[in-house]
Amino acid sequence: VNNTSTSATLPVKYSAQFVLDTSALIDSGRMLSSCGDLKVGSVQGADSFEIDRVVENCNTTNTRVWFALQRPITPNTHDTGYYLYYGDPSPLPPLANEMNVFVFYEDWEKGVNHWTGSGGLDPLNTGIMGLSVISNENSISPANSQKFPMKAGGGDAFSGYIPVVPNTSYAISVWAKSGTSTYAPVGFDPYTAGYVKGIENWLWTNEWSIGPEWASRTAQFTAAATTAFIKIKSEWW
């Protein structure tokens, strides 16, 4: 893992990724078609251990494998203490807790409380589903997705409070599809350490026209000096 910054240290738990051609490995019989044998490990001194990973686009030439740094990486240096393991025909389930890979991750498989409570980061479940629901009609994750069944004023769906570090950059990535020509705005509301709400921040509104095929969009932002929490928000336009 290379840190190309000349000034910033990549901290522990920073999300990193690499791209792998899993289709070639699967076609040659070297990997399971589910990528269920695809694991990421970390080496530290004489010890090696498996770490959590998230796999996107299995069985393609552009499979993205995400994991979290186990050690900080100072500017203009690198860490070679990571390895990839695959090829076990009867593997134990890989470590794949997404909350150990990202600041917050929602695939709608864990129920409403995971969204409204930010995966345990907001135990009071202060978020709301709004007019959205968790549906198994169609999904990109194993069984469920968030669905907006109707367009209406005040239909925002808010996560619970997600802790962030002031003056630090973050990214939010979303997958979406629609049966109609529509937009899927995503943004966040910032809050101070005393839970005082600031001005809403839309990462995009009508810039992303989504159609019948799953597509993803990512945007970056930097938390303001007074921002200690954010609530992710989404709508159907």
Protein backbone atom coordinates (compact mmCIF):
# COMPACT_ATOMS: atom_id res chain seq x y z
CA VAL A 1 0.00 0.00 0.00
CA ASN A 2 1.62 3.24 -1.17
CA ASN A 3 1.03 6.58 0.53
CA THR A 4 1.60 9.11 -2.23
CA SER A 5 0.93 12.10 0.00
CA THR A 6 3.89 14.32 0.82
CA SER A 7 2.40 15.50 4.11
CA ALA A 8 -0.47 13.30 5.40
CA THR A 9 -0.15 10.00 7.24
CA LEU A 10 -2.66 7.29 6.34
CA PRO A 11 -4.12 6.23 9.70
CA VAL A 12 -5.05 2.81 11.02
CA LYS A 13 -8.47 1.72 9.63
CA TYR A 14 -8.02 3.86 6.50
CA SER A 15 -9.94 2.09 3.70
CA ALA A 16 -7.72 0.79 0.89
CA GLN A 17 -8.53 -1.18 -2.23
CA PHE A 18 -6.95 -3.07 -5.10
CA VAL A 19 -8.36 -4.27 -8.42
CA LEU A 20 -8.15 -7.94 -9.38
CA ASP A 21 -9.18 -9.95 -12.47
CA THR A 22 -11.18 -12.66 -10.70
CA SER A 23 -12.83 -13.86 -13.92
CA ALA A 24 -9.51 -15.21 -15.19
CA LEU A 25 -8.82 -16.95 -11.87
CA ILE A 26 -12.33 -18.43 -11.80
CA ASP A 27 -12.20 -19.57 -15.43
CA SER A 28 -8.90 -21.35 -14.77
CA GLY A 29 -10.31 -23.11 -11.70
CA ARG A 30 -8.07 -21.27 -9.26
CA MET A 31 -10.88 -19.41 -7.43
CA LEU A 32 -14.47 -20.20 -6.46
CA SER A 33 -17.10 -18.50 -8.61
CA SER A 34 -18.51 -16.83 -5.49
CA CYS A 35 -15.12 -15.40 -4.46
CA GLY A 36 -15.87 -17.07 -1.14
CA ASP A 37 -12.27 -18.27 -0.87
CA LEU A 38 -10.87 -14.77 -1.50
CA LYS A 39 -9.26 -13.57 1.72
CA VAL A 40 -6.93 -10.75 2.73
CA GLY A 41 -4.20 -11.17 5.30
CA SER A 42 -1.79 -8.94 7.16
CA VAL A 43 1.76 -9.68 8.29
CA GLN A 44 3.20 -7.94 11.32
CA GLY A 45 6.60 -9.15 12.43
CA ALA A 46 6.48 -12.94 12.77
CA ASP A 47 2.68 -12.96 12.98
CA SER A 48 0.14 -13.18 10.16
CA PHE A 49 -3.62 -12.92 10.48
CA GLU A 50 -6.72 -12.61 8.32
CA ILE A 51 -8.49 -9.24 8.15
CA ASP A 52 -11.97 -8.22 7.00
CA ARG A 53 -12.54 -7.51 3.33
CA VAL A 54 -15.36 -6.35 1.02
CA VAL A 55 -15.49 -7.68 -2.55
CA GLU A 56 -17.27 -5.83 -5.36
CA ASN A 57 -17.91 -7.20 -8.87
CA CYS A 58 -16.87 -10.81 -8.29
CA ASN A 59 -16.15 -12.84 -11.46
CA THR A 60 -15.22 -9.81 -13.56
CA THR A 61 -11.99 -8.30 -14.82
CA ASN A 62 -12.55 -5.35 -12.48
CA THR A 63 -13.11 -6.88 -9.04
CA ARG A 64 -12.46 -4.37 -6.25
CA VAL A 65 -11.25 -5.75 -2.93
CA TRP A 66 -11.45 -3.36 0.03
CA PHE A 67 -9.71 -3.69 3.39
CA ALA A 68 -8.67 -1.41 6.26
CA LEU A 69 -5.08 -0.53 7.09
CA GLN A 70 -3.74 -2.27 10.15
CA ARG A 71 -0.82 0.14 10.60
CA PRO A 72 -0.31 3.83 9.81
CA ILE A 73 1.67 4.70 6.69
CA THR A 74 3.71 7.90 6.86
CA PRO A 75 4.04 10.26 3.84
CA ASN A 76 5.88 8.95 0.80
CA THR A 77 6.27 5.45 2.27
CA HIS A 78 4.57 2.09 1.81
CA ASP A 79 3.52 -1.04 3.70
CA THR A 80 4.13 -4.41 2.03
CA GLY A 81 2.65 -6.40 4.91
CA TYR A 82 -0.55 -7.49 3.14
CA TYR A 83 -1.28 -10.61 1.15
CA LEU A 84 -4.10 -12.18 -0.84
CA TYR A 85 -5.18 -15.80 -0.34
CA TYR A 86 -7.45 -17.89 -2.58
CA GLY A 87 -7.77 -21.39 -3.97
CA ASP A 88 -9.17 -23.32 -1.00
CA PRO A 89 -11.99 -25.50 -2.47
CA SER A 90 -13.74 -25.78 0.94
CA PRO A 91 -12.91 -22.55 2.72
CA LEU A 92 -14.12 -21.30 6.06
CA PRO A 93 -16.21 -18.14 5.58
CA PRO A 94 -13.91 -15.13 5.07
CA LEU A 95 -13.82 -12.27 7.54
CA ALA A 96 -16.22 -9.81 5.91
CA ASN A 97 -17.57 -7.38 8.52
CA GLU A 98 -17.98 -4.26 6.40
CA MET A 99 -17.98 -2.01 9.47
CA ASN A 100 -14.35 -3.10 10.03
CA VAL A 101 -13.48 -1.92 6.52
CA PHE A 102 -15.35 1.40 6.23
CA VAL A 103 -16.38 4.18 8.60
CA PHE A 104 -19.98 3.11 7.92
CA TYR A 105 -21.40 0.51 5.56
CA GLU A 106 -25.03 -0.31 4.83
CA ASP A 107 -26.18 -3.16 2.61
CA TRP A 108 -29.66 -3.36 4.19
CA GLU A 109 -29.14 -6.96 5.33
CA LYS A 110 -29.06 -6.14 9.04
CA GLY A 111 -32.44 -4.42 9.41
CA VAL A 112 -33.69 -0.91 10.12
CA ASN A 113 -31.73 -0.48 13.36
CA HIS A 114 -28.42 -0.81 11.52
CA TRP A 115 -29.32 2.16 9.29
CA THR A 116 -30.94 4.33 11.93
CA GLY A 117 -28.23 3.49 14.49
CA SER A 118 -25.30 3.78 12.05
CA GLY A 119 -24.23 0.21 12.62
CA GLY A 120 -24.01 0.71 16.38
CA LEU A 121 -22.26 4.08 16.20
CA ASP A 122 -25.53 5.76 17.23
CA PRO A 123 -27.10 3.37 19.76
CA LEU A 124 -30.14 5.62 20.28
CA ASN A 125 -31.19 5.03 16.64
CA THR A 126 -31.73 8.71 15.87
CA GLY A 127 -32.00 8.20 12.12
CA ILE A 128 -35.25 7.67 10.22
CA MET A 129 -36.25 5.62 7.19
CA GLY A 130 -38.55 8.43 6.02
CA LEU A 131 -40.67 7.20 3.13
CA SER A 132 -38.12 4.57 2.22
CA VAL A 133 -38.33 0.89 3.14
CA ILE A 134 -36.01 -2.11 3.11
CA SER A 135 -37.10 -4.31 0.21
CA ASN A 136 -36.09 -7.70 -1.18
CA GLU A 137 -37.72 -7.09 -4.55
CA ASN A 138 -34.38 -6.35 -6.19
CA SER A 139 -30.96 -5.86 -4.71
CA ILE A 140 -27.28 -5.55 -5.43
CA SER A 141 -26.39 -6.86 -1.98
CA PRO A 142 -27.29 -10.45 -0.98
CA ALA A 143 -31.03 -9.96 -0.37
CA ASN A 144 -32.16 -6.38 0.28
CA SER A 145 -31.89 -2.77 -0.80
CA GLN A 146 -33.33 0.57 0.27
CA LYS A 147 -36.42 1.41 -1.77
CA PHE A 148 -38.35 4.65 -2.19
CA PRO A 149 -41.89 3.50 -3.10
CA MET A 150 -43.19 7.02 -3.80
CA LYS A 151 -42.14 10.57 -4.51
CA ALA A 152 -43.36 12.99 -1.87
CA GLY A 153 -42.25 16.06 0.05
CA GLY A 154 -40.29 15.28 3.18
CA GLY A 155 -39.29 11.85 1.96
CA ASP A 156 -35.74 12.09 3.22
CA ALA A 157 -34.16 8.98 4.73
CA PHE A 158 -31.50 9.84 7.31
CA SER A 159 -28.93 7.57 8.88
CA GLY A 160 -28.09 7.95 12.55
CA TYR A 161 -25.10 9.97 13.76
CA ILE A 162 -21.82 8.88 12.17
CA PRO A 163 -18.70 10.20 13.97
CA VAL A 164 -16.18 12.03 11.78
CA VAL A 165 -12.94 13.89 12.46
CA PRO A 166 -12.99 17.66 11.79
CA ASN A 167 -10.92 18.90 8.83
CA THR A 168 -10.68 15.36 7.47
CA SER A 169 -11.66 14.16 3.99
CA TYR A 170 -14.19 11.36 3.42
CA ALA A 171 -15.94 9.67 0.52
CA ILE A 172 -19.48 8.36 0.18
CA SER A 173 -20.21 5.74 -2.47
CA VAL A 174 -23.73 4.61 -3.44
CA TRP A 175 -25.23 1.97 -5.72
CA ALA A 176 -28.65 2.67 -7.22
CA LYS A 177 -31.11 1.66 -9.95
CA SER A 178 -34.58 2.79 -10.94
CA GLY A 179 -37.50 1.49 -12.94
CA THR A 180 -38.12 5.02 -14.19
CA SER A 181 -35.96 7.89 -15.39
CA THR A 182 -35.11 9.52 -12.09
CA TYR A 183 -32.45 11.06 -9.88
CA ALA A 184 -31.06 9.79 -6.57
CA PRO A 185 -29.67 12.73 -4.56
CA VAL A 186 -27.33 11.88 -1.69
CA GLY A 187 -25.85 14.22 0.89
CA PHE A 188 -25.39 14.72 4.60
CA ASP A 189 -26.28 17.01 7.45
CA PRO A 190 -23.33 18.09 9.64
CA TYR A 191 -23.57 18.27 13.43
CA THR A 192 -21.28 19.73 16.07
CA ALA A 193 -20.03 17.78 19.09
CA GLY A 194 -23.08 19.16 20.92
CA TYR A 195 -25.38 17.78 18.17
CA VAL A 196 -26.21 21.20 16.75
CA LYS A 197 -27.22 20.81 13.12
CA GLY A 198 -25.42 22.82 10.45
CA ILE A 199 -26.29 23.58 6.82
CA GLU A 200 -27.21 20.56 4.70
CA ASN A 201 -24.67 19.46 2.12
CA TRP A 202 -25.82 17.67 -1.05
CA LEU A 203 -23.03 15.71 -2.71
CA TRP A 204 -25.18 15.52 -5.82
CA THR A 205 -28.84 16.10 -6.70
CA ASN A 206 -29.87 15.87 -10.38
CA GLU A 207 -26.33 15.24 -11.68
CA TRP A 208 -26.91 11.49 -11.45
CA SER A 209 -29.64 10.13 -13.71
CA ILE A 210 -30.16 6.47 -12.85
CA GLY A 211 -31.83 3.81 -14.98
CA PRO A 212 -32.74 0.11 -14.86
CA GLU A 213 -29.16 -1.18 -14.38
CA TRP A 214 -27.21 -0.94 -11.14
CA ALA A 215 -24.71 1.91 -11.21
CA SER A 216 -22.50 3.54 -8.60
CA ARG A 217 -21.50 7.11 -7.83
CA THR A 218 -18.92 8.44 -5.37
CA ALA A 219 -18.24 11.91 -4.03
CA GLN A 220 -15.75 13.33 -1.57
CA PHE A 221 -16.08 16.01 1.09
CA THR A 222 -14.01 17.48 3.91
CA ALA A 223 -15.59 17.75 7.34
CA ALA A 224 -15.62 21.32 8.60
CA ALA A 225 -13.67 22.36 11.67
CA THR A 226 -16.83 22.23 13.79
CA THR A 227 -18.24 18.96 12.40
CA ALA A 228 -18.14 15.97 14.76
CA PHE A 229 -21.00 13.90 13.28
CA ILE A 230 -22.83 13.56 9.99
CA LYS A 231 -26.14 12.01 9.00
CA ILE A 232 -26.26 10.59 5.49
CA LYS A 233 -29.45 11.56 3.69
CA SER A 234 -31.08 10.34 0.47
CA GLU A 235 -34.19 11.04 -1.59
CA TRP A 236 -35.96 10.05 -4.78
CA TRP A 237 -36.41 12.88 -7.29
